[in-house]
């Protein structure tokens, strides 16, 4: 990380502290399994976290979230219940016409 921050170890430490703070914020607030969240920076340095609802119309990120749920579900081989929740979420977020292959795979 110091080389990424121009060799300045003070900047590297500050970056790591900020990253740790953001990670703790996400851990505390992202508590719903198989849910999708979006973390943005509001005015100034405030963080805004919002939960993407399951209806496609509520978010412009529906397709991206559906693909992410599908990708995670593919890797989730040990926990069948979690895999099913992720696949159901994928189907709820995907556009059945535009993303027919994604929806078909999620139904398998």
N, C-alpha and C. Protein backbone atom coordinates (compact mmCIF):
# COMPACT_ATOMS: atom_id res chain seq x y z
N UNK A 1 0.81 -1.21 0.00
CA UNK A 1 0.00 0.00 0.00
C UNK A 1 0.85 1.27 0.00
N UNK A 2 1.97 1.32 0.71
CA UNK A 2 2.76 2.56 0.66
C UNK A 2 3.18 2.95 -0.76
N UNK A 3 3.51 1.98 -1.61
CA UNK A 3 3.90 2.34 -2.98
C UNK A 3 2.69 2.86 -3.75
N UNK A 4 1.52 2.36 -3.44
CA UNK A 4 0.28 2.84 -4.06
C UNK A 4 0.01 4.28 -3.65
N UNK A 5 0.42 4.65 -2.45
CA UNK A 5 0.17 5.99 -1.92
C UNK A 5 1.38 6.90 -2.12
N UNK A 6 2.19 6.62 -3.11
CA UNK A 6 3.33 7.47 -3.41
C UNK A 6 4.46 7.34 -2.41
N UNK A 7 4.55 6.23 -1.72
CA UNK A 7 5.63 6.01 -0.77
C UNK A 7 5.42 6.70 0.57
N UNK A 8 4.33 7.38 0.75
CA UNK A 8 4.05 8.09 1.99
C UNK A 8 3.34 7.16 2.97
N UNK A 9 4.04 6.72 4.00
CA UNK A 9 3.45 5.77 4.94
C UNK A 9 2.32 6.40 5.75
N UNK A 10 2.34 7.71 5.95
CA UNK A 10 1.26 8.39 6.65
C UNK A 10 -0.04 8.32 5.86
N UNK A 11 0.07 8.52 4.56
CA UNK A 11 -1.11 8.43 3.70
C UNK A 11 -1.60 6.99 3.67
N UNK A 12 -0.68 6.03 3.62
CA UNK A 12 -1.05 4.62 3.61
C UNK A 12 -1.79 4.24 4.89
N UNK A 13 -1.30 4.71 6.04
CA UNK A 13 -1.97 4.42 7.31
C UNK A 13 -3.35 5.06 7.36
N UNK A 14 -3.46 6.28 6.87
CA UNK A 14 -4.76 6.95 6.86
C UNK A 14 -5.73 6.23 5.93
N UNK A 15 -5.24 5.76 4.80
CA UNK A 15 -6.07 5.02 3.85
C UNK A 15 -6.56 3.72 4.47
N UNK A 16 -5.67 3.02 5.15
CA UNK A 16 -6.05 1.76 5.80
C UNK A 16 -7.07 2.01 6.91
N UNK A 17 -6.89 3.08 7.67
CA UNK A 17 -7.83 3.40 8.75
C UNK A 17 -9.21 3.72 8.17
N UNK A 18 -9.23 4.45 7.08
CA UNK A 18 -10.52 4.78 6.44
C UNK A 18 -11.18 3.52 5.88
N UNK A 19 -10.39 2.66 5.26
CA UNK A 19 -10.92 1.40 4.71
C UNK A 19 -11.48 0.53 5.83
N UNK A 20 -10.78 0.46 6.96
CA UNK A 20 -11.25 -0.32 8.11
C UNK A 20 -12.56 0.25 8.65
N UNK A 21 -12.65 1.58 8.69
CA UNK A 21 -13.86 2.24 9.16
C UNK A 21 -15.04 1.93 8.24
N UNK A 22 -14.83 1.97 6.94
CA UNK A 22 -15.89 1.67 5.97
C UNK A 22 -16.32 0.21 6.09
N UNK A 23 -15.36 -0.69 6.23
CA UNK A 23 -15.67 -2.11 6.37
C UNK A 23 -16.51 -2.35 7.62
N UNK A 24 -16.16 -1.74 8.73
CA UNK A 24 -16.94 -1.89 9.96
C UNK A 24 -18.35 -1.33 9.79
N UNK A 25 -18.48 -0.20 9.10
CA UNK A 25 -19.79 0.38 8.82
C UNK A 25 -20.64 -0.60 8.02
N UNK A 26 -20.07 -1.19 7.00
CA UNK A 26 -20.79 -2.14 6.16
C UNK A 26 -21.17 -3.38 6.97
N UNK A 27 -20.26 -3.89 7.78
CA UNK A 27 -20.55 -5.08 8.61
C UNK A 27 -21.71 -4.83 9.56
N UNK A 28 -21.75 -3.63 10.15
CA UNK A 28 -22.81 -3.30 11.10
C UNK A 28 -24.17 -3.12 10.43
N UNK A 29 -24.18 -2.60 9.21
CA UNK A 29 -25.44 -2.20 8.60
C UNK A 29 -25.97 -3.12 7.50
N UNK A 30 -25.14 -3.93 6.92
CA UNK A 30 -25.58 -4.86 5.87
C UNK A 30 -25.84 -6.21 6.51
N UNK A 31 -27.05 -6.39 7.00
CA UNK A 31 -27.33 -7.57 7.82
C UNK A 31 -28.28 -8.57 7.18
N UNK A 32 -28.95 -8.20 6.10
CA UNK A 32 -29.89 -9.12 5.46
C UNK A 32 -29.17 -10.05 4.50
N UNK A 33 -29.34 -11.35 4.71
CA UNK A 33 -28.73 -12.34 3.83
C UNK A 33 -29.39 -12.27 2.46
N UNK A 34 -28.62 -12.41 1.42
CA UNK A 34 -29.07 -12.38 0.03
C UNK A 34 -29.67 -11.03 -0.35
N UNK A 35 -29.31 -9.99 0.38
CA UNK A 35 -29.76 -8.65 0.03
C UNK A 35 -28.64 -7.94 -0.70
N UNK A 36 -28.99 -6.91 -1.42
CA UNK A 36 -28.01 -6.14 -2.16
C UNK A 36 -28.04 -4.72 -1.64
N UNK A 37 -26.86 -4.19 -1.38
CA UNK A 37 -26.72 -2.85 -0.85
C UNK A 37 -25.86 -2.01 -1.78
N UNK A 38 -26.07 -0.72 -1.73
CA UNK A 38 -25.24 0.21 -2.49
C UNK A 38 -24.69 1.22 -1.51
N UNK A 39 -23.39 1.37 -1.50
CA UNK A 39 -22.72 2.31 -0.62
C UNK A 39 -22.21 3.47 -1.46
N UNK A 40 -22.65 4.67 -1.14
CA UNK A 40 -22.22 5.85 -1.88
C UNK A 40 -21.74 6.91 -0.90
N UNK A 41 -21.03 7.87 -1.43
CA UNK A 41 -20.60 8.99 -0.61
C UNK A 41 -21.58 10.12 -0.81
N UNK A 42 -22.12 10.61 0.28
CA UNK A 42 -23.05 11.72 0.21
C UNK A 42 -22.28 13.03 0.17
N UNK A 43 -22.95 14.10 0.51
CA UNK A 43 -22.27 15.38 0.53
C UNK A 43 -21.19 15.37 1.60
N UNK A 44 -20.09 15.95 1.29
CA UNK A 44 -18.97 15.91 2.21
C UNK A 44 -18.38 14.52 2.24
N UNK A 45 -18.11 14.02 3.42
CA UNK A 45 -17.50 12.70 3.56
C UNK A 45 -18.48 11.67 4.13
N UNK A 46 -19.76 12.01 4.20
CA UNK A 46 -20.72 11.08 4.79
C UNK A 46 -20.99 9.92 3.85
N UNK A 47 -21.14 8.76 4.44
CA UNK A 47 -21.48 7.57 3.68
C UNK A 47 -22.98 7.35 3.71
N UNK A 48 -23.52 6.94 2.58
CA UNK A 48 -24.94 6.61 2.50
C UNK A 48 -25.05 5.17 2.05
N UNK A 49 -25.81 4.41 2.78
CA UNK A 49 -26.01 2.99 2.47
C UNK A 49 -27.49 2.78 2.23
N UNK A 50 -27.82 2.19 1.10
CA UNK A 50 -29.21 1.88 0.84
C UNK A 50 -29.33 0.47 0.34
N UNK A 51 -30.44 -0.13 0.72
CA UNK A 51 -30.72 -1.52 0.34
C UNK A 51 -31.48 -1.52 -0.97
N UNK A 52 -31.01 -2.28 -1.91
CA UNK A 52 -31.68 -2.39 -3.20
C UNK A 52 -32.88 -3.31 -3.01
N UNK A 53 -34.05 -2.79 -3.29
CA UNK A 53 -35.27 -3.59 -3.14
C UNK A 53 -35.36 -4.61 -4.26
N UNK A 54 -36.19 -5.60 -4.06
CA UNK A 54 -36.26 -6.71 -5.01
C UNK A 54 -36.97 -6.36 -6.32
N UNK A 55 -37.72 -5.28 -6.36
CA UNK A 55 -38.39 -4.91 -7.60
C UNK A 55 -37.41 -4.19 -8.51
N UNK A 56 -37.40 -4.60 -9.77
CA UNK A 56 -36.47 -4.01 -10.74
C UNK A 56 -36.65 -2.50 -10.88
N UNK A 57 -37.86 -2.03 -10.79
CA UNK A 57 -38.13 -0.61 -11.04
C UNK A 57 -37.53 0.30 -9.97
N UNK A 58 -37.16 -0.23 -8.85
CA UNK A 58 -36.67 0.62 -7.76
C UNK A 58 -35.20 0.95 -7.88
N UNK A 59 -34.49 0.35 -8.79
CA UNK A 59 -33.06 0.60 -8.87
C UNK A 59 -32.55 0.49 -10.30
N UNK A 60 -31.60 1.34 -10.64
CA UNK A 60 -30.98 1.20 -11.96
C UNK A 60 -29.94 0.08 -12.00
N UNK A 61 -29.69 -0.51 -10.86
CA UNK A 61 -28.66 -1.54 -10.75
C UNK A 61 -29.23 -2.96 -10.76
N UNK A 62 -30.48 -3.11 -11.15
CA UNK A 62 -31.14 -4.41 -11.09
C UNK A 62 -30.39 -5.51 -11.82
N UNK A 63 -29.96 -5.26 -13.06
CA UNK A 63 -29.26 -6.27 -13.84
C UNK A 63 -27.92 -6.64 -13.21
N UNK A 64 -27.17 -5.62 -12.81
CA UNK A 64 -25.87 -5.88 -12.18
C UNK A 64 -26.03 -6.67 -10.89
N UNK A 65 -27.03 -6.32 -10.10
CA UNK A 65 -27.28 -7.05 -8.85
C UNK A 65 -27.73 -8.48 -9.12
N UNK A 66 -28.54 -8.67 -10.15
CA UNK A 66 -28.98 -10.02 -10.51
C UNK A 66 -27.79 -10.88 -10.90
N UNK A 67 -26.89 -10.32 -11.70
CA UNK A 67 -25.70 -11.07 -12.12
C UNK A 67 -24.78 -11.37 -10.95
N UNK A 68 -24.67 -10.43 -10.02
CA UNK A 68 -23.86 -10.66 -8.83
C UNK A 68 -24.45 -11.78 -7.98
N UNK A 69 -25.77 -11.78 -7.79
CA UNK A 69 -26.43 -12.85 -7.03
C UNK A 69 -26.19 -14.20 -7.69
N UNK A 70 -26.27 -14.23 -9.02
CA UNK A 70 -26.04 -15.49 -9.74
C UNK A 70 -24.61 -15.96 -9.56
N UNK A 71 -23.67 -15.05 -9.67
CA UNK A 71 -22.26 -15.40 -9.52
C UNK A 71 -21.96 -15.95 -8.12
N UNK A 72 -22.49 -15.30 -7.11
CA UNK A 72 -22.26 -15.77 -5.74
C UNK A 72 -22.94 -17.12 -5.52
N UNK A 73 -24.14 -17.29 -6.06
CA UNK A 73 -24.87 -18.55 -5.91
C UNK A 73 -24.12 -19.71 -6.54
N UNK A 74 -23.47 -19.46 -7.66
CA UNK A 74 -22.67 -20.51 -8.32
C UNK A 74 -21.59 -21.04 -7.39
N UNK A 75 -21.01 -20.15 -6.59
CA UNK A 75 -19.91 -20.53 -5.69
C UNK A 75 -20.40 -21.08 -4.35
N UNK A 76 -21.65 -20.89 -4.06
CA UNK A 76 -22.22 -21.24 -2.77
C UNK A 76 -22.73 -22.68 -2.81
N UNK A 77 -21.84 -23.63 -2.88
CA UNK A 77 -22.23 -25.03 -3.06
C UNK A 77 -22.55 -25.74 -1.75
N UNK A 78 -22.04 -25.25 -0.64
CA UNK A 78 -22.23 -25.92 0.64
C UNK A 78 -23.55 -25.58 1.33
N UNK A 79 -24.09 -24.40 1.07
CA UNK A 79 -25.29 -23.93 1.75
C UNK A 79 -26.43 -23.82 0.74
N UNK A 80 -27.22 -24.87 0.65
CA UNK A 80 -28.29 -24.96 -0.35
C UNK A 80 -29.36 -23.89 -0.13
N UNK A 81 -29.70 -23.62 1.12
CA UNK A 81 -30.73 -22.62 1.41
C UNK A 81 -30.27 -21.23 0.99
N UNK A 82 -29.04 -20.89 1.29
CA UNK A 82 -28.51 -19.57 0.89
C UNK A 82 -28.44 -19.47 -0.63
N UNK A 83 -28.01 -20.54 -1.26
CA UNK A 83 -27.95 -20.56 -2.72
C UNK A 83 -29.33 -20.31 -3.32
N UNK A 84 -30.35 -20.95 -2.77
CA UNK A 84 -31.72 -20.77 -3.28
C UNK A 84 -32.19 -19.33 -3.10
N UNK A 85 -31.89 -18.71 -1.94
CA UNK A 85 -32.26 -17.32 -1.71
C UNK A 85 -31.59 -16.39 -2.71
N UNK A 86 -30.32 -16.64 -2.99
CA UNK A 86 -29.60 -15.83 -3.96
C UNK A 86 -30.17 -15.98 -5.36
N UNK A 87 -30.51 -17.21 -5.73
CA UNK A 87 -31.08 -17.45 -7.06
C UNK A 87 -32.47 -16.81 -7.17
N UNK A 88 -33.26 -16.90 -6.11
CA UNK A 88 -34.57 -16.25 -6.12
C UNK A 88 -34.42 -14.73 -6.26
N UNK A 89 -33.44 -14.19 -5.58
CA UNK A 89 -33.15 -12.74 -5.68
C UNK A 89 -32.74 -12.38 -7.09
N UNK A 90 -31.94 -13.22 -7.70
CA UNK A 90 -31.50 -13.01 -9.08
C UNK A 90 -32.70 -12.92 -10.01
N UNK A 91 -33.61 -13.85 -9.88
CA UNK A 91 -34.81 -13.88 -10.73
C UNK A 91 -35.66 -12.63 -10.49
N UNK A 92 -35.77 -12.21 -9.24
CA UNK A 92 -36.58 -11.03 -8.91
C UNK A 92 -35.98 -9.76 -9.52
N UNK A 93 -34.67 -9.69 -9.62
CA UNK A 93 -34.01 -8.48 -10.11
C UNK A 93 -33.81 -8.46 -11.62
N UNK A 94 -33.71 -9.63 -12.24
CA UNK A 94 -33.41 -9.70 -13.67
C UNK A 94 -34.65 -9.39 -14.51
N UNK A 95 -34.42 -8.86 -15.67
CA UNK A 95 -35.48 -8.63 -16.64
C UNK A 95 -35.65 -9.92 -17.44
N UNK A 96 -36.81 -10.55 -17.34
CA UNK A 96 -37.03 -11.86 -17.95
C UNK A 96 -36.84 -11.84 -19.46
N UNK A 97 -37.13 -10.74 -20.11
CA UNK A 97 -36.97 -10.67 -21.56
C UNK A 97 -35.52 -10.40 -21.95
N UNK A 98 -34.93 -9.41 -21.35
CA UNK A 98 -33.56 -9.02 -21.71
C UNK A 98 -32.53 -10.01 -21.18
N UNK A 99 -32.79 -10.57 -20.03
CA UNK A 99 -31.83 -11.47 -19.38
C UNK A 99 -32.37 -12.88 -19.28
N UNK A 100 -32.94 -13.38 -20.36
CA UNK A 100 -33.58 -14.70 -20.35
C UNK A 100 -32.61 -15.80 -19.95
N UNK A 101 -31.37 -15.73 -20.42
CA UNK A 101 -30.39 -16.77 -20.07
C UNK A 101 -30.06 -16.76 -18.58
N UNK A 102 -29.98 -15.58 -18.01
CA UNK A 102 -29.70 -15.44 -16.57
C UNK A 102 -30.84 -16.03 -15.76
N UNK A 103 -32.08 -15.70 -16.13
CA UNK A 103 -33.25 -16.20 -15.43
C UNK A 103 -33.34 -17.72 -15.58
N UNK A 104 -33.06 -18.21 -16.78
CA UNK A 104 -33.10 -19.67 -17.00
C UNK A 104 -32.08 -20.39 -16.13
N UNK A 105 -30.87 -19.85 -16.05
CA UNK A 105 -29.84 -20.49 -15.22
C UNK A 105 -30.23 -20.46 -13.75
N UNK A 106 -30.83 -19.37 -13.32
CA UNK A 106 -31.22 -19.24 -11.92
C UNK A 106 -32.33 -20.22 -11.57
N UNK A 107 -33.11 -20.62 -12.54
CA UNK A 107 -34.20 -21.58 -12.30
C UNK A 107 -33.72 -23.03 -12.28
N UNK A 108 -32.50 -23.28 -12.67
CA UNK A 108 -31.99 -24.66 -12.69
C UNK A 108 -31.76 -25.20 -11.30
